[in-house]
Amino acid sequence: MITVGAYEAKTHLSALLKRVEQGERITITKHGVPVAVLQPPDWTRVEEPDQVIAALKTFRLGKQLDGLSIREMIEQGRG
């Protein structure tokens, strides 16, 4: 894995992205401290739709809209 400074990463982002497309991982540092990693996406981490739906239903439990309808939220700019 290569390491580049934040300024260099900003200046040469297109070239760095091409390297990432080829499978490289690149650590971006700020004042010598790692702050981010550019890496190819992990396409193997795809979840089944049933699992995603179940997770969303679990997340929703106990959440309330405090009596607001979706229409009211849209009108208030919160939708």
PDB file of N, CA and C in Angstrom:
ATOM      1  N   MET A   1       0.860  -1.175   0.000  1.00  0.00           N
ATOM      2  CA  MET A   1       0.000   0.000   0.000  1.00  0.00           C
ATOM      3  C   MET A   1       0.903   1.234   0.000  1.00  0.00           C
ATOM      4  N   ILE A   2       0.559   2.192  -0.853  1.00  0.00           N
ATOM      5  CA  ILE A   2       1.352   3.424  -0.897  1.00  0.00           C
ATOM      6  C   ILE A   2       0.710   4.473   0.002  1.00  0.00           C
ATOM      7  N   THR A   3       1.475   5.462   0.351  1.00  0.00           N
ATOM      8  CA  THR A   3       1.011   6.549   1.207  1.00  0.00           C
ATOM      9  C   THR A   3       1.275   7.870   0.505  1.00  0.00           C
ATOM     10  N   VAL A   4       0.264   8.745   0.495  1.00  0.00           N
ATOM     11  CA  VAL A   4       0.425  10.075  -0.095  1.00  0.00           C
ATOM     12  C   VAL A   4      -0.156  11.107   0.864  1.00  0.00           C
ATOM     13  N   GLY A   5       0.384  12.317   0.803  1.00  0.00           N
ATOM     14  CA  GLY A   5      -0.138  13.408   1.606  1.00  0.00           C
ATOM     15  C   GLY A   5      -1.446  13.928   1.039  1.00  0.00           C
ATOM     16  N   ALA A   6      -2.215  14.609   1.862  1.00  0.00           N
ATOM     17  CA  ALA A   6      -3.523  15.124   1.449  1.00  0.00           C
ATOM     18  C   ALA A   6      -3.404  16.075   0.268  1.00  0.00           C
ATOM     19  N   TYR A   7      -2.409  16.941   0.274  1.00  0.00           N
ATOM     20  CA  TYR A   7      -2.249  17.883  -0.834  1.00  0.00           C
ATOM     21  C   TYR A   7      -1.961  17.138  -2.130  1.00  0.00           C
ATOM     22  N   GLU A   8      -1.066  16.167  -2.083  1.00  0.00           N
ATOM     23  CA  GLU A   8      -0.752  15.385  -3.279  1.00  0.00           C
ATOM     24  C   GLU A   8      -1.981  14.606  -3.743  1.00  0.00           C
ATOM     25  N   ALA A   9      -2.746  14.063  -2.798  1.00  0.00           N
ATOM     26  CA  ALA A   9      -3.949  13.314  -3.155  1.00  0.00           C
ATOM     27  C   ALA A   9      -4.947  14.222  -3.873  1.00  0.00           C
ATOM     28  N   LYS A  10      -5.097  15.442  -3.378  1.00  0.00           N
ATOM     29  CA  LYS A  10      -6.022  16.387  -4.005  1.00  0.00           C
ATOM     30  C   LYS A  10      -5.535  16.756  -5.407  1.00  0.00           C
ATOM     31  N   THR A  11      -4.245  16.972  -5.524  1.00  0.00           N
ATOM     32  CA  THR A  11      -3.665  17.392  -6.791  1.00  0.00           C
ATOM     33  C   THR A  11      -3.691  16.295  -7.842  1.00  0.00           C
ATOM     34  N   HIS A  12      -3.502  15.048  -7.414  1.00  0.00           N
ATOM     35  CA  HIS A  12      -3.385  13.922  -8.346  1.00  0.00           C
ATOM     36  C   HIS A  12      -4.507  12.902  -8.170  1.00  0.00           C
ATOM     37  N   LEU A  13      -5.693  13.345  -7.784  1.00  0.00           N
ATOM     38  CA  LEU A  13      -6.789  12.417  -7.490  1.00  0.00           C
ATOM     39  C   LEU A  13      -7.108  11.504  -8.667  1.00  0.00           C
ATOM     40  N   SER A  14      -7.175  12.036  -9.866  1.00  0.00           N
ATOM     41  CA  SER A  14      -7.516  11.208 -11.027  1.00  0.00           C
ATOM     42  C   SER A  14      -6.523  10.062 -11.202  1.00  0.00           C
ATOM     43  N   ALA A  15      -5.241  10.361 -11.078  1.00  0.00           N
ATOM     44  CA  ALA A  15      -4.217   9.325 -11.230  1.00  0.00           C
ATOM     45  C   ALA A  15      -4.315   8.299 -10.101  1.00  0.00           C
ATOM     46  N   LEU A  16      -4.595   8.769  -8.896  1.00  0.00           N
ATOM     47  CA  LEU A  16      -4.732   7.846  -7.775  1.00  0.00           C
ATOM     48  C   LEU A  16      -5.944   6.937  -7.953  1.00  0.00           C
ATOM     49  N   LEU A  17      -7.043   7.494  -8.455  1.00  0.00           N
ATOM     50  CA  LEU A  17      -8.232   6.679  -8.686  1.00  0.00           C
ATOM     51  C   LEU A  17      -7.984   5.599  -9.742  1.00  0.00           C
ATOM     52  N   LYS A  18      -7.193   5.914 -10.752  1.00  0.00           N
ATOM     53  CA  LYS A  18      -6.845   4.900 -11.749  1.00  0.00           C
ATOM     54  C   LYS A  18      -6.075   3.758 -11.102  1.00  0.00           C
ATOM     55  N   ARG A  19      -5.181   4.085 -10.182  1.00  0.00           N
ATOM     56  CA  ARG A  19      -4.415   3.043  -9.486  1.00  0.00           C
ATOM     57  C   ARG A  19      -5.345   2.198  -8.607  1.00  0.00           C
ATOM     58  N   VAL A  20      -6.305   2.856  -7.982  1.00  0.00           N
ATOM     59  CA  VAL A  20      -7.259   2.134  -7.143  1.00  0.00           C
ATOM     60  C   VAL A  20      -8.112   1.204  -8.006  1.00  0.00           C
ATOM     61  N   GLU A  21      -8.498   1.664  -9.190  1.00  0.00           N
ATOM     62  CA  GLU A  21      -9.268   0.813 -10.110  1.00  0.00           C
ATOM     63  C   GLU A  21      -8.509  -0.458 -10.461  1.00  0.00           C
ATOM     64  N   GLN A  22      -7.188  -0.383 -10.426  1.00  0.00           N
ATOM     65  CA  GLN A  22      -6.353  -1.539 -10.740  1.00  0.00           C
ATOM     66  C   GLN A  22      -6.102  -2.407  -9.503  1.00  0.00           C
ATOM     67  N   GLY A  23      -6.726  -2.055  -8.391  1.00  0.00           N
ATOM     68  CA  GLY A  23      -6.652  -2.896  -7.212  1.00  0.00           C
ATOM     69  C   GLY A  23      -5.751  -2.405  -6.098  1.00  0.00           C
ATOM     70  N   GLU A  24      -5.091  -1.271  -6.258  1.00  0.00           N
ATOM     71  CA  GLU A  24      -4.200  -0.768  -5.212  1.00  0.00           C
ATOM     72  C   GLU A  24      -4.989  -0.121  -4.082  1.00  0.00           C
ATOM     73  N   ARG A  25      -4.395  -0.141  -2.905  1.00  0.00           N
ATOM     74  CA  ARG A  25      -4.921   0.598  -1.750  1.00  0.00           C
ATOM     75  C   ARG A  25      -3.960   1.742  -1.479  1.00  0.00           C
ATOM     76  N   ILE A  26      -4.496   2.921  -1.220  1.00  0.00           N
ATOM     77  CA  ILE A  26      -3.667   4.103  -1.019  1.00  0.00           C
ATOM     78  C   ILE A  26      -4.091   4.779   0.278  1.00  0.00           C
ATOM     79  N   THR A  27      -3.127   4.975   1.168  1.00  0.00           N
ATOM     80  CA  THR A  27      -3.387   5.677   2.425  1.00  0.00           C
ATOM     81  C   THR A  27      -3.104   7.161   2.231  1.00  0.00           C
ATOM     82  N   ILE A  28      -4.039   7.986   2.661  1.00  0.00           N
ATOM     83  CA  ILE A  28      -3.875   9.437   2.586  1.00  0.00           C
ATOM     84  C   ILE A  28      -3.561   9.933   3.990  1.00  0.00           C
ATOM     85  N   THR A  29      -2.513  10.745   4.078  1.00  0.00           N
ATOM     86  CA  THR A  29      -2.096  11.257   5.381  1.00  0.00           C
ATOM     87  C   THR A  29      -2.235  12.776   5.436  1.00  0.00           C
ATOM     88  N   LYS A  30      -2.350  13.268   6.643  1.00  0.00           N
ATOM     89  CA  LYS A  30      -2.361  14.709   6.885  1.00  0.00           C
ATOM     90  C   LYS A  30      -1.334  14.961   7.982  1.00  0.00           C
ATOM     91  N   HIS A  31      -0.287  15.671   7.636  1.00  0.00           N
ATOM     92  CA  HIS A  31       0.825  15.913   8.557  1.00  0.00           C
ATOM     93  C   HIS A  31       1.408  14.591   9.055  1.00  0.00           C
ATOM     94  N   GLY A  32       1.470  13.599   8.154  1.00  0.00           N
ATOM     95  CA  GLY A  32       2.061  12.310   8.474  1.00  0.00           C
ATOM     96  C   GLY A  32       1.154  11.334   9.193  1.00  0.00           C
ATOM     97  N   VAL A  33      -0.067  11.750   9.508  1.00  0.00           N
ATOM     98  CA  VAL A  33      -1.005  10.884  10.219  1.00  0.00           C
ATOM     99  C   VAL A  33      -2.040  10.350   9.221  1.00  0.00           C
ATOM    100  N   PRO A  34      -2.221   9.028   9.138  1.00  0.00           N
ATOM    101  CA  PRO A  34      -3.230   8.478   8.217  1.00  0.00           C
ATOM    102  C   PRO A  34      -4.627   8.979   8.570  1.00  0.00           C
ATOM    103  N   VAL A  35      -5.341   9.468   7.537  1.00  0.00           N
ATOM    104  CA  VAL A  35      -6.703   9.966   7.757  1.00  0.00           C
ATOM    105  C   VAL A  35      -7.738   9.262   6.878  1.00  0.00           C
ATOM    106  N   ALA A  36      -7.282   8.580   5.814  1.00  0.00           N
ATOM    107  CA  ALA A  36      -8.222   7.914   4.917  1.00  0.00           C
ATOM    108  C   ALA A  36      -7.495   6.854   4.113  1.00  0.00           C
ATOM    109  N   VAL A  37      -8.283   5.927   3.585  1.00  0.00           N
ATOM    110  CA  VAL A  37      -7.745   4.899   2.695  1.00  0.00           C
ATOM    111  C   VAL A  37      -8.620   4.858   1.448  1.00  0.00           C
ATOM    112  N   LEU A  38      -7.970   4.993   0.291  1.00  0.00           N
ATOM    113  CA  LEU A  38      -8.670   4.792  -0.983  1.00  0.00           C
ATOM    114  C   LEU A  38      -8.477   3.330  -1.347  1.00  0.00           C
ATOM    115  N   GLN A  39      -9.566   2.639  -1.606  1.00  0.00           N
ATOM    116  CA  GLN A  39      -9.469   1.238  -1.975  1.00  0.00           C
ATOM    117  C   GLN A  39     -10.649   0.863  -2.846  1.00  0.00           C
ATOM    118  N   PRO A  40     -10.488  -0.201  -3.635  1.00  0.00           N
ATOM    119  CA  PRO A  40     -11.618  -0.635  -4.459  1.00  0.00           C
ATOM    120  C   PRO A  40     -12.780  -1.053  -3.564  1.00  0.00           C
ATOM    121  N   PRO A  41     -14.004  -0.923  -4.053  1.00  0.00           N
ATOM    122  CA  PRO A  41     -15.162  -1.347  -3.256  1.00  0.00           C
ATOM    123  C   PRO A  41     -15.140  -2.856  -3.058  1.00  0.00           C
ATOM    124  N   ASP A  42     -15.716  -3.283  -1.958  1.00  0.00           N
ATOM    125  CA  ASP A  42     -15.800  -4.710  -1.656  1.00  0.00           C
ATOM    126  C   ASP A  42     -17.126  -5.236  -2.194  1.00  0.00           C
ATOM    127  N   TRP A  43     -17.136  -5.650  -3.438  1.00  0.00           N
ATOM    128  CA  TRP A  43     -18.368  -6.116  -4.074  1.00  0.00           C
ATOM    129  C   TRP A  43     -18.837  -7.438  -3.508  1.00  0.00           C
ATOM    130  N   THR A  44     -17.997  -8.139  -2.768  1.00  0.00           N
ATOM    131  CA  THR A  44     -18.405  -9.417  -2.204  1.00  0.00           C
ATOM    132  C   THR A  44     -19.321  -9.233  -1.007  1.00  0.00           C
ATOM    133  N   ARG A  45     -19.427  -8.017  -0.507  1.00  0.00           N
ATOM    134  CA  ARG A  45     -20.230  -7.747   0.679  1.00  0.00           C
ATOM    135  C   ARG A  45     -21.653  -7.327   0.305  1.00  0.00           C
ATOM    136  N   VAL A  46     -22.281  -8.078  -0.543  1.00  0.00           N
ATOM    137  CA  VAL A  46     -23.648  -7.787  -0.971  1.00  0.00           C
ATOM    138  C   VAL A  46     -24.599  -8.557  -0.064  1.00  0.00           C
ATOM    139  N   GLU A  47     -25.558  -7.842   0.500  1.00  0.00           N
ATOM    140  CA  GLU A  47     -26.517  -8.483   1.388  1.00  0.00           C
ATOM    141  C   GLU A  47     -27.787  -8.840   0.628  1.00  0.00           C
ATOM    142  N   GLU A  48     -28.415  -9.887   1.084  1.00  0.00           N
ATOM    143  CA  GLU A  48     -29.673 -10.322   0.480  1.00  0.00           C
ATOM    144  C   GLU A  48     -30.776  -9.316   0.825  1.00  0.00           C
ATOM    145  N   PRO A  49     -31.674  -9.061  -0.120  1.00  0.00           N
ATOM    146  CA  PRO A  49     -32.762  -8.101   0.135  1.00  0.00           C
ATOM    147  C   PRO A  49     -33.566  -8.430   1.385  1.00  0.00           C
ATOM    148  N   ASP A  50     -33.818  -9.721   1.649  1.00  0.00           N
ATOM    149  CA  ASP A  50     -34.579 -10.094   2.847  1.00  0.00           C
ATOM    150  C   ASP A  50     -33.869  -9.647   4.123  1.00  0.00           C
ATOM    151  N   GLN A  51     -32.536  -9.739   4.131  1.00  0.00           N
ATOM    152  CA  GLN A  51     -31.772  -9.318   5.302  1.00  0.00           C
ATOM    153  C   GLN A  51     -31.831  -7.805   5.481  1.00  0.00           C
ATOM    154  N   VAL A  52     -31.763  -7.085   4.377  1.00  0.00           N
ATOM    155  CA  VAL A  52     -31.830  -5.619   4.443  1.00  0.00           C
ATOM    156  C   VAL A  52     -33.199  -5.181   4.947  1.00  0.00           C
ATOM    157  N   ILE A  53     -34.251  -5.784   4.444  1.00  0.00           N
ATOM    158  CA  ILE A  53     -35.617  -5.442   4.868  1.00  0.00           C
ATOM    159  C   ILE A  53     -35.803  -5.736   6.350  1.00  0.00           C
ATOM    160  N   ALA A  54     -35.313  -6.888   6.799  1.00  0.00           N
ATOM    161  CA  ALA A  54     -35.417  -7.244   8.219  1.00  0.00           C
ATOM    162  C   ALA A  54     -34.661  -6.234   9.081  1.00  0.00           C
ATOM    163  N   ALA A  55     -33.481  -5.818   8.634  1.00  0.00           N
ATOM    164  CA  ALA A  55     -32.697  -4.836   9.396  1.00  0.00           C
ATOM    165  C   ALA A  55     -33.427  -3.497   9.462  1.00  0.00           C
ATOM    166  N   LEU A  56     -34.057  -3.086   8.365  1.00  0.00           N
ATOM    167  CA  LEU A  56     -34.809  -1.828   8.360  1.00  0.00           C
ATOM    168  C   LEU A  56     -36.011  -1.896   9.298  1.00  0.00           C
ATOM    169  N   LYS A  57     -36.701  -3.043   9.306  1.00  0.00           N
ATOM    170  CA  LYS A  57     -37.850  -3.200  10.208  1.00  0.00           C
ATOM    171  C   LYS A  57     -37.405  -3.140  11.662  1.00  0.00           C
ATOM    172  N   THR A  58     -36.277  -3.753  11.969  1.00  0.00           N
ATOM    173  CA  THR A  58     -35.745  -3.711  13.325  1.00  0.00           C
ATOM    174  C   THR A  58     -35.365  -2.284  13.691  1.00  0.00           C
ATOM    175  N   PHE A  59     -34.733  -1.570  12.765  1.00  0.00           N
ATOM    176  CA  PHE A  59     -34.333  -0.182  12.998  1.00  0.00           C
ATOM    177  C   PHE A  59     -35.545   0.694  13.297  1.00  0.00           C
ATOM    178  N   ARG A  60     -36.656   0.428  12.605  1.00  0.00           N
ATOM    179  CA  ARG A  60     -37.867   1.235  12.762  1.00  0.00           C
ATOM    180  C   ARG A  60     -38.535   1.077  14.114  1.00  0.00           C
ATOM    181  N   LEU A  61     -38.334  -0.054  14.779  1.00  0.00           N
ATOM    182  CA  LEU A  61     -39.010  -0.311  16.045  1.00  0.00           C
ATOM    183  C   LEU A  61     -38.701   0.797  17.049  1.00  0.00           C
ATOM    184  N   GLY A  62     -39.731   1.308  17.661  1.00  0.00           N
ATOM    185  CA  GLY A  62     -39.552   2.335  18.680  1.00  0.00           C
ATOM    186  C   GLY A  62     -39.377   3.735  18.135  1.00  0.00           C
ATOM    187  N   LYS A  63     -39.299   3.898  16.828  1.00  0.00           N
ATOM    188  CA  LYS A  63     -39.159   5.221  16.225  1.00  0.00           C
ATOM    189  C   LYS A  63     -40.558   5.751  15.914  1.00  0.00           C
ATOM    190  N   GLN A  64     -40.784   7.020  16.239  1.00  0.00           N
ATOM    191  CA  GLN A  64     -42.090   7.612  15.990  1.00  0.00           C
ATOM    192  C   GLN A  64     -41.927   8.938  15.262  1.00  0.00           C
ATOM    193  N   LEU A  65     -42.943   9.296  14.537  1.00  0.00           N
ATOM    194  CA  LEU A  65     -42.935  10.550  13.787  1.00  0.00           C
ATOM    195  C   LEU A  65     -43.570  11.685  14.580  1.00  0.00           C
ATOM    196  N   ASP A  66     -43.853  11.440  15.840  1.00  0.00           N
ATOM    197  CA  ASP A  66     -44.475  12.455  16.701  1.00  0.00           C
ATOM    198  C   ASP A  66     -45.758  13.005  16.093  1.00  0.00           C
ATOM    199  N   GLY A  67     -46.541  12.136  15.484  1.00  0.00           N
ATOM    200  CA  GLY A  67     -47.829  12.536  14.947  1.00  0.00           C
ATOM    201  C   GLY A  67     -47.786  13.216  13.595  1.00  0.00           C
ATOM    202  N   LEU A  68     -46.608  13.394  13.019  1.00  0.00           N
ATOM    203  CA  LEU A  68     -46.507  14.043  11.714  1.00  0.00           C
ATOM    204  C   LEU A  68     -46.752  13.033  10.593  1.00  0.00           C
ATOM    205  N   SER A  69     -47.387  13.495   9.547  1.00  0.00           N
ATOM    206  CA  SER A  69     -47.535  12.662   8.364  1.00  0.00           C
ATOM    207  C   SER A  69     -46.373  12.951   7.419  1.00  0.00           C
ATOM    208  N   ILE A  70     -46.177  12.078   6.473  1.00  0.00           N
ATOM    209  CA  ILE A  70     -45.121  12.304   5.490  1.00  0.00           C
ATOM    210  C   ILE A  70     -45.377  13.606   4.749  1.00  0.00           C
ATOM    211  N   ARG A  71     -46.626  13.877   4.400  1.00  0.00           N
ATOM    212  CA  ARG A  71     -46.975  15.119   3.706  1.00  0.00           C
ATOM    213  C   ARG A  71     -46.564  16.334   4.529  1.00  0.00           C
ATOM    214  N   GLU A  72     -46.852  16.304   5.844  1.00  0.00           N
ATOM    215  CA  GLU A  72     -46.491  17.443   6.709  1.00  0.00           C
ATOM    216  C   GLU A  72     -44.965  17.635   6.759  1.00  0.00           C
ATOM    217  N   MET A  73     -44.233  16.528   6.798  1.00  0.00           N
ATOM    218  CA  MET A  73     -42.770  16.633   6.816  1.00  0.00           C
ATOM    219  C   MET A  73     -42.242  17.222   5.515  1.00  0.00           C
ATOM    220  N   ILE A  74     -42.844  16.816   4.392  1.00  0.00           N
ATOM    221  CA  ILE A  74     -42.428  17.355   3.094  1.00  0.00           C
ATOM    222  C   ILE A  74     -42.700  18.855   3.054  1.00  0.00           C
ATOM    223  N   GLU A  75     -43.864  19.237   3.532  1.00  0.00           N
ATOM    224  CA  GLU A  75     -44.215  20.653   3.530  1.00  0.00           C
ATOM    225  C   GLU A  75     -43.315  21.464   4.444  1.00  0.00           C
ATOM    226  N   GLN A  76     -42.786  20.843   5.481  1.00  0.00           N
ATOM    227  CA  GLN A  76     -41.879  21.528   6.399  1.00  0.00           C
ATOM    228  C   GLN A  76     -40.430  21.451   5.899  1.00  0.00           C
ATOM    229  N   GLY A  77     -40.221  20.772   4.785  1.00  0.00           N
ATOM    230  CA  GLY A  77     -38.872  20.659   4.248  1.00  0.00           C
ATOM    231  C   GLY A  77     -38.041  19.606   4.930  1.00  0.00           C
ATOM    232  N   ARG A  78     -38.686  18.695   5.610  1.00  0.00           N
ATOM    233  CA  ARG A  78     -37.961  17.661   6.335  1.00  0.00           C
ATOM    234  C   ARG A  78     -38.024  16.324   5.621  1.00  0.00           C
ATOM    235  N   GLY A  79     -38.588  16.235   4.459  1.00  0.00           N
ATOM    236  CA  GLY A  79     -38.778  14.967   3.777  1.00  0.00           C
ATOM    237  C   GLY A  79     -37.793  14.791   2.748  1.00  0.00           C
TER     238      GLY A  79
END
